[in-house]
């Protein structure tokens, strides 16, 4: 009997949550934030290339220098 009352109370409480609508414009704000994040990540990716190229050149110079010392 008490379980039935608890179940009914729980069902009633959950029903009130199910009828609540999101605030107006929520979907547009979420989509705008996703677009901004995608643009931020794309811009950040281009900033990495010069650093990666410089690192590759430094490694190449180190390898060539080391192999040159070994053969000399």
PDB file of N, CA and C in Angstrom:
ATOM      1  N   UNK A   1       0.829  -1.188   0.000  1.00  0.00           N
ATOM      2  CA  UNK A   1       0.000   0.000   0.000  1.00  0.00           C
ATOM      3  C   UNK A   1       0.875   1.253   0.000  1.00  0.00           C
ATOM      4  N   UNK A   2       1.902   1.274   0.864  1.00  0.00           N
ATOM      5  CA  UNK A   2       2.761   2.440   0.927  1.00  0.00           C
ATOM      6  C   UNK A   2       3.590   2.554  -0.346  1.00  0.00           C
ATOM      7  N   UNK A   3       3.959   1.411  -0.911  1.00  0.00           N
ATOM      8  CA  UNK A   3       4.702   1.423  -2.166  1.00  0.00           C
ATOM      9  C   UNK A   3       3.871   2.033  -3.291  1.00  0.00           C
ATOM     10  N   UNK A   4       2.577   1.738  -3.287  1.00  0.00           N
ATOM     11  CA  UNK A   4       1.696   2.302  -4.320  1.00  0.00           C
ATOM     12  C   UNK A   4       1.610   3.822  -4.175  1.00  0.00           C
ATOM     13  N   UNK A   5       1.531   4.308  -2.946  1.00  0.00           N
ATOM     14  CA  UNK A   5       1.479   5.753  -2.713  1.00  0.00           C
ATOM     15  C   UNK A   5       2.799   6.405  -3.143  1.00  0.00           C
ATOM     16  N   UNK A   6       3.891   5.766  -2.814  1.00  0.00           N
ATOM     17  CA  UNK A   6       5.193   6.306  -3.201  1.00  0.00           C
ATOM     18  C   UNK A   6       5.325   6.336  -4.720  1.00  0.00           C
ATOM     19  N   UNK A   7       4.867   5.271  -5.359  1.00  0.00           N
ATOM     20  CA  UNK A   7       4.919   5.226  -6.819  1.00  0.00           C
ATOM     21  C   UNK A   7       4.080   6.328  -7.438  1.00  0.00           C
ATOM     22  N   UNK A   8       2.890   6.537  -6.893  1.00  0.00           N
ATOM     23  CA  UNK A   8       2.020   7.598  -7.414  1.00  0.00           C
ATOM     24  C   UNK A   8       2.645   8.971  -7.222  1.00  0.00           C
ATOM     25  N   UNK A   9       3.232   9.197  -6.044  1.00  0.00           N
ATOM     26  CA  UNK A   9       3.881  10.483  -5.775  1.00  0.00           C
ATOM     27  C   UNK A   9       5.060  10.702  -6.724  1.00  0.00           C
ATOM     28  N   UNK A  10       5.838   9.663  -6.921  1.00  0.00           N
ATOM     29  CA  UNK A  10       6.975   9.765  -7.820  1.00  0.00           C
ATOM     30  C   UNK A  10       6.521  10.014  -9.258  1.00  0.00           C
ATOM     31  N   UNK A  11       5.495   9.304  -9.699  1.00  0.00           N
ATOM     32  CA  UNK A  11       4.957   9.513 -11.048  1.00  0.00           C
ATOM     33  C   UNK A  11       4.444  10.939 -11.221  1.00  0.00           C
ATOM     34  N   UNK A  12       3.785  11.473 -10.203  1.00  0.00           N
ATOM     35  CA  UNK A  12       3.268  12.841 -10.279  1.00  0.00           C
ATOM     36  C   UNK A  12       4.408  13.850 -10.351  1.00  0.00           C
ATOM     37  N   UNK A  13       5.441  13.630  -9.560  1.00  0.00           N
ATOM     38  CA  UNK A  13       6.592  14.544  -9.573  1.00  0.00           C
ATOM     39  C   UNK A  13       7.296  14.496 -10.917  1.00  0.00           C
ATOM     40  N   UNK A  14       7.490  13.309 -11.464  1.00  0.00           N
ATOM     41  CA  UNK A  14       8.148  13.179 -12.758  1.00  0.00           C
ATOM     42  C   UNK A  14       7.306  13.766 -13.885  1.00  0.00           C
ATOM     43  N   UNK A  15       5.996  13.686 -13.757  1.00  0.00           N
ATOM     44  CA  UNK A  15       5.118  14.257 -14.782  1.00  0.00           C
ATOM     45  C   UNK A  15       5.256  15.771 -14.847  1.00  0.00           C
ATOM     46  N   UNK A  16       5.485  16.412 -13.709  1.00  0.00           N
ATOM     47  CA  UNK A  16       5.642  17.874 -13.730  1.00  0.00           C
ATOM     48  C   UNK A  16       6.953  18.253 -14.422  1.00  0.00           C
ATOM     49  N   UNK A  17       8.000  17.462 -14.255  1.00  0.00           N
ATOM     50  CA  UNK A  17       9.265  17.744 -14.930  1.00  0.00           C
ATOM     51  C   UNK A  17       9.154  17.526 -16.437  1.00  0.00           C
ATOM     52  N   UNK A  18       8.354  16.578 -16.836  1.00  0.00           N
ATOM     53  CA  UNK A  18       8.221  16.266 -18.255  1.00  0.00           C
ATOM     54  C   UNK A  18       7.498  17.368 -19.006  1.00  0.00           C
ATOM     55  N   UNK A  19       6.688  18.151 -18.332  1.00  0.00           N
ATOM     56  CA  UNK A  19       5.918  19.185 -19.018  1.00  0.00           C
ATOM     57  C   UNK A  19       6.666  20.516 -19.097  1.00  0.00           C
ATOM     58  N   UNK A  20       7.830  20.621 -18.480  1.00  0.00           N
ATOM     59  CA  UNK A  20       8.583  21.877 -18.495  1.00  0.00           C
ATOM     60  C   UNK A  20       9.268  22.038 -19.850  1.00  0.00           C
ATOM     61  N   UNK A  21       9.114  23.199 -20.451  1.00  0.00           N
ATOM     62  CA  UNK A  21       9.721  23.515 -21.743  1.00  0.00           C
ATOM     63  C   UNK A  21      11.036  24.266 -21.518  1.00  0.00           C
ATOM     64  N   UNK A  22      12.003  24.096 -22.397  1.00  0.00           N
ATOM     65  CA  UNK A  22      13.243  24.869 -22.261  1.00  0.00           C
ATOM     66  C   UNK A  22      12.985  26.347 -22.519  1.00  0.00           C
ATOM     67  N   UNK A  23      13.884  27.180 -22.019  1.00  0.00           N
ATOM     68  CA  UNK A  23      13.725  28.617 -22.223  1.00  0.00           C
ATOM     69  C   UNK A  23      13.794  28.942 -23.709  1.00  0.00           C
ATOM     70  N   UNK A  24      13.142  30.004 -24.080  1.00  0.00           N
ATOM     71  CA  UNK A  24      13.121  30.410 -25.484  1.00  0.00           C
ATOM     72  C   UNK A  24      14.530  30.749 -25.952  1.00  0.00           C
ATOM     73  N   UNK A  25      14.887  30.267 -27.130  1.00  0.00           N
ATOM     74  CA  UNK A  25      16.180  30.575 -27.708  1.00  0.00           C
ATOM     75  C   UNK A  25      17.311  29.676 -27.248  1.00  0.00           C
ATOM     76  N   UNK A  26      17.025  28.695 -26.427  1.00  0.00           N
ATOM     77  CA  UNK A  26      18.077  27.817 -25.913  1.00  0.00           C
ATOM     78  C   UNK A  26      18.773  27.090 -27.050  1.00  0.00           C
ATOM     79  N   UNK A  27      18.005  26.562 -27.976  1.00  0.00           N
ATOM     80  CA  UNK A  27      18.593  25.821 -29.089  1.00  0.00           C
ATOM     81  C   UNK A  27      19.513  26.713 -29.919  1.00  0.00           C
ATOM     82  N   UNK A  28      19.085  27.942 -30.160  1.00  0.00           N
ATOM     83  CA  UNK A  28      19.912  28.860 -30.949  1.00  0.00           C
ATOM     84  C   UNK A  28      21.210  29.204 -30.224  1.00  0.00           C
ATOM     85  N   UNK A  29      21.147  29.382 -28.913  1.00  0.00           N
ATOM     86  CA  UNK A  29      22.368  29.683 -28.150  1.00  0.00           C
ATOM     87  C   UNK A  29      23.331  28.506 -28.178  1.00  0.00           C
ATOM     88  N   UNK A  30      22.806  27.294 -28.044  1.00  0.00           N
ATOM     89  CA  UNK A  30      23.663  26.112 -28.071  1.00  0.00           C
ATOM     90  C   UNK A  30      24.314  25.983 -29.438  1.00  0.00           C
ATOM     91  N   UNK A  31      23.540  26.149 -30.500  1.00  0.00           N
ATOM     92  CA  UNK A  31      24.100  26.052 -31.853  1.00  0.00           C
ATOM     93  C   UNK A  31      25.134  27.144 -32.114  1.00  0.00           C
ATOM     94  N   UNK A  32      24.882  28.352 -31.635  1.00  0.00           N
ATOM     95  CA  UNK A  32      25.846  29.445 -31.807  1.00  0.00           C
ATOM     96  C   UNK A  32      27.139  29.136 -31.055  1.00  0.00           C
ATOM     97  N   UNK A  33      27.035  28.578 -29.866  1.00  0.00           N
ATOM     98  CA  UNK A  33      28.230  28.206 -29.111  1.00  0.00           C
ATOM     99  C   UNK A  33      29.014  27.104 -29.813  1.00  0.00           C
ATOM    100  N   UNK A  34      28.316  26.141 -30.404  1.00  0.00           N
ATOM    101  CA  UNK A  34      29.004  25.083 -31.144  1.00  0.00           C
ATOM    102  C   UNK A  34      29.721  25.641 -32.372  1.00  0.00           C
ATOM    103  N   UNK A  35      29.085  26.569 -33.087  1.00  0.00           N
ATOM    104  CA  UNK A  35      29.735  27.188 -34.248  1.00  0.00           C
ATOM    105  C   UNK A  35      30.962  27.979 -33.822  1.00  0.00           C
ATOM    106  N   UNK A  36      30.862  28.728 -32.743  1.00  0.00           N
ATOM    107  CA  UNK A  36      31.992  29.519 -32.261  1.00  0.00           C
ATOM    108  C   UNK A  36      33.141  28.613 -31.833  1.00  0.00           C
ATOM    109  N   UNK A  37      32.830  27.504 -31.184  1.00  0.00           N
ATOM    110  CA  UNK A  37      33.871  26.570 -30.759  1.00  0.00           C
ATOM    111  C   UNK A  37      34.559  25.938 -31.963  1.00  0.00           C
ATOM    112  N   UNK A  38      33.787  25.605 -32.984  1.00  0.00           N
ATOM    113  CA  UNK A  38      34.376  25.027 -34.192  1.00  0.00           C
ATOM    114  C   UNK A  38      35.311  26.029 -34.867  1.00  0.00           C
ATOM    115  N   UNK A  39      34.917  27.293 -34.925  1.00  0.00           N
ATOM    116  CA  UNK A  39      35.769  28.323 -35.527  1.00  0.00           C
ATOM    117  C   UNK A  39      37.024  28.548 -34.691  1.00  0.00           C
ATOM    118  N   UNK A  40      36.893  28.502 -33.373  1.00  0.00           N
ATOM    119  CA  UNK A  40      38.042  28.699 -32.495  1.00  0.00           C
ATOM    120  C   UNK A  40      39.047  27.576 -32.680  1.00  0.00           C
ATOM    121  N   UNK A  41      38.568  26.349 -32.782  1.00  0.00           N
ATOM    122  CA  UNK A  41      39.466  25.220 -32.983  1.00  0.00           C
ATOM    123  C   UNK A  41      40.138  25.275 -34.345  1.00  0.00           C
ATOM    124  N   UNK A  42      39.410  25.708 -35.359  1.00  0.00           N
ATOM    125  CA  UNK A  42      39.994  25.815 -36.697  1.00  0.00           C
ATOM    126  C   UNK A  42      41.085  26.884 -36.714  1.00  0.00           C
ATOM    127  N   UNK A  43      40.863  27.995 -36.051  1.00  0.00           N
ATOM    128  CA  UNK A  43      41.859  29.068 -36.010  1.00  0.00           C
ATOM    129  C   UNK A  43      43.090  28.623 -35.223  1.00  0.00           C
ATOM    130  N   UNK A  44      42.886  27.876 -34.176  1.00  0.00           N
ATOM    131  CA  UNK A  44      43.993  27.416 -33.352  1.00  0.00           C
ATOM    132  C   UNK A  44      44.856  26.406 -34.109  1.00  0.00           C
ATOM    133  N   UNK A  45      44.251  25.633 -34.974  1.00  0.00           N
ATOM    134  CA  UNK A  45      44.995  24.650 -35.741  1.00  0.00           C
ATOM    135  C   UNK A  45      46.019  25.291 -36.659  1.00  0.00           C
ATOM    136  N   UNK A  46      45.680  26.426 -37.251  1.00  0.00           N
ATOM    137  CA  UNK A  46      46.623  27.106 -38.144  1.00  0.00           C
ATOM    138  C   UNK A  46      47.811  27.678 -37.391  1.00  0.00           C
ATOM    139  N   UNK A  47      47.631  28.030 -36.134  1.00  0.00           N
ATOM    140  CA  UNK A  47      48.744  28.588 -35.357  1.00  0.00           C
ATOM    141  C   UNK A  47      49.779  27.524 -35.010  1.00  0.00           C
ATOM    142  N   UNK A  48      49.419  26.272 -35.065  1.00  0.00           N
ATOM    143  CA  UNK A  48      50.346  25.206 -34.716  1.00  0.00           C
ATOM    144  C   UNK A  48      51.339  24.904 -35.838  1.00  0.00           C
ATOM    145  N   UNK A  49      50.959  25.139 -37.081  1.00  0.00           N
ATOM    146  CA  UNK A  49      51.808  24.747 -38.201  1.00  0.00           C
ATOM    147  C   UNK A  49      53.192  25.382 -38.174  1.00  0.00           C
ATOM    148  N   UNK A  50      53.333  26.681 -37.952  1.00  0.00           N
ATOM    149  CA  UNK A  50      54.689  27.247 -37.912  1.00  0.00           C
ATOM    150  C   UNK A  50      55.557  26.612 -36.830  1.00  0.00           C
ATOM    151  N   UNK A  51      54.992  26.343 -35.681  1.00  0.00           N
ATOM    152  CA  UNK A  51      55.756  25.717 -34.602  1.00  0.00           C
ATOM    153  C   UNK A  51      56.156  24.291 -34.988  1.00  0.00           C
ATOM    154  N   UNK A  52      55.264  23.558 -35.624  1.00  0.00           N
ATOM    155  CA  UNK A  52      55.590  22.199 -36.047  1.00  0.00           C
ATOM    156  C   UNK A  52      56.664  22.188 -37.134  1.00  0.00           C
ATOM    157  N   UNK A  53      56.600  23.138 -38.047  1.00  0.00           N
ATOM    158  CA  UNK A  53      57.622  23.233 -39.097  1.00  0.00           C
ATOM    159  C   UNK A  53      58.976  23.576 -38.481  1.00  0.00           C
ATOM    160  N   UNK A  54      58.986  24.519 -37.553  1.00  0.00           N
ATOM    161  CA  UNK A  54      60.241  24.895 -36.894  1.00  0.00           C
ATOM    162  C   UNK A  54      60.818  23.701 -36.131  1.00  0.00           C
ATOM    163  N   UNK A  55      59.988  22.944 -35.467  1.00  0.00           N
ATOM    164  CA  UNK A  55      60.448  21.759 -34.743  1.00  0.00           C
ATOM    165  C   UNK A  55      61.011  20.717 -35.708  1.00  0.00           C
ATOM    166  N   UNK A  56      60.332  20.500 -36.827  1.00  0.00           N
ATOM    167  CA  UNK A  56      60.815  19.532 -37.817  1.00  0.00           C
ATOM    168  C   UNK A  56      62.170  19.953 -38.382  1.00  0.00           C
ATOM    169  N   UNK A  57      62.339  21.243 -38.651  1.00  0.00           N
ATOM    170  CA  UNK A  57      63.613  21.745 -39.172  1.00  0.00           C
ATOM    171  C   UNK A  57      64.710  21.565 -38.129  1.00  0.00           C
ATOM    172  N   UNK A  58      64.422  21.847 -36.876  1.00  0.00           N
ATOM    173  CA  UNK A  58      65.413  21.687 -35.812  1.00  0.00           C
ATOM    174  C   UNK A  58      65.827  20.220 -35.666  1.00  0.00           C
ATOM    175  N   UNK A  59      64.870  19.314 -35.738  1.00  0.00           N
ATOM    176  CA  UNK A  59      65.181  17.888 -35.645  1.00  0.00           C
ATOM    177  C   UNK A  59      66.011  17.461 -36.847  1.00  0.00           C
ATOM    178  N   UNK A  60      65.647  17.914 -38.020  1.00  0.00           N
ATOM    179  CA  UNK A  60      66.392  17.583 -39.233  1.00  0.00           C
ATOM    180  C   UNK A  60      67.839  18.076 -39.148  1.00  0.00           C
ATOM    181  N   UNK A  61      68.018  19.307 -38.683  1.00  0.00           N
ATOM    182  CA  UNK A  61      69.372  19.860 -38.528  1.00  0.00           C
ATOM    183  C   UNK A  61      70.163  19.041 -37.510  1.00  0.00           C
ATOM    184  N   UNK A  62      69.533  18.655 -36.417  1.00  0.00           N
ATOM    185  CA  UNK A  62      70.214  17.867 -35.396  1.00  0.00           C
ATOM    186  C   UNK A  62      70.621  16.503 -35.946  1.00  0.00           C
ATOM    187  N   UNK A  63      69.756  15.866 -36.705  1.00  0.00           N
ATOM    188  CA  UNK A  63      70.066  14.547 -37.271  1.00  0.00           C
ATOM    189  C   UNK A  63      71.190  14.658 -38.295  1.00  0.00           C
ATOM    190  N   UNK A  64      71.105  15.640 -39.175  1.00  0.00           N
ATOM    191  CA  UNK A  64      72.147  15.826 -40.191  1.00  0.00           C
ATOM    192  C   UNK A  64      73.473  16.165 -39.521  1.00  0.00           C
ATOM    193  N   UNK A  65      73.444  17.010 -38.525  1.00  0.00           N
ATOM    194  CA  UNK A  65      74.666  17.391 -37.818  1.00  0.00           C
ATOM    195  C   UNK A  65      75.289  16.190 -37.116  1.00  0.00           C
ATOM    196  N   UNK A  66      74.457  15.383 -36.473  1.00  0.00           N
ATOM    197  CA  UNK A  66      74.968  14.202 -35.773  1.00  0.00           C
ATOM    198  C   UNK A  66      75.547  13.197 -36.759  1.00  0.00           C
ATOM    199  N   UNK A  67      74.882  12.986 -37.874  1.00  0.00           N
ATOM    200  CA  UNK A  67      75.400  12.022 -38.849  1.00  0.00           C
ATOM    201  C   UNK A  67      76.657  12.562 -39.531  1.00  0.00           C
ATOM    202  N   UNK A  68      76.770  13.852 -39.661  1.00  0.00           N
ATOM    203  CA  UNK A  68      77.944  14.458 -40.275  1.00  0.00           C
ATOM    204  C   UNK A  68      79.170  14.300 -39.360  1.00  0.00           C
ATOM    205  N   UNK A  69      78.933  14.432 -38.046  1.00  0.00           N
ATOM    206  CA  UNK A  69      80.021  14.262 -37.083  1.00  0.00           C
ATOM    207  C   UNK A  69      80.502  12.824 -37.051  1.00  0.00           C
ATOM    208  N   UNK A  70      79.567  11.882 -37.193  1.00  0.00           N
ATOM    209  CA  UNK A  70      79.931  10.467 -37.143  1.00  0.00           C
ATOM    210  C   UNK A  70      80.814  10.102 -38.355  1.00  0.00           C
ATOM    211  N   UNK A  71      80.469  10.634 -39.527  1.00  0.00           N
ATOM    212  CA  UNK A  71      81.221  10.286 -40.735  1.00  0.00           C
ATOM    213  C   UNK A  71      82.525  11.046 -40.843  1.00  0.00           C
ATOM    214  N   UNK A  72      82.688  12.152 -40.126  1.00  0.00           N
ATOM    215  CA  UNK A  72      83.907  12.942 -40.243  1.00  0.00           C
ATOM    216  C   UNK A  72      85.035  12.443 -39.407  1.00  0.00           C
TER     217      UNK A  72
END
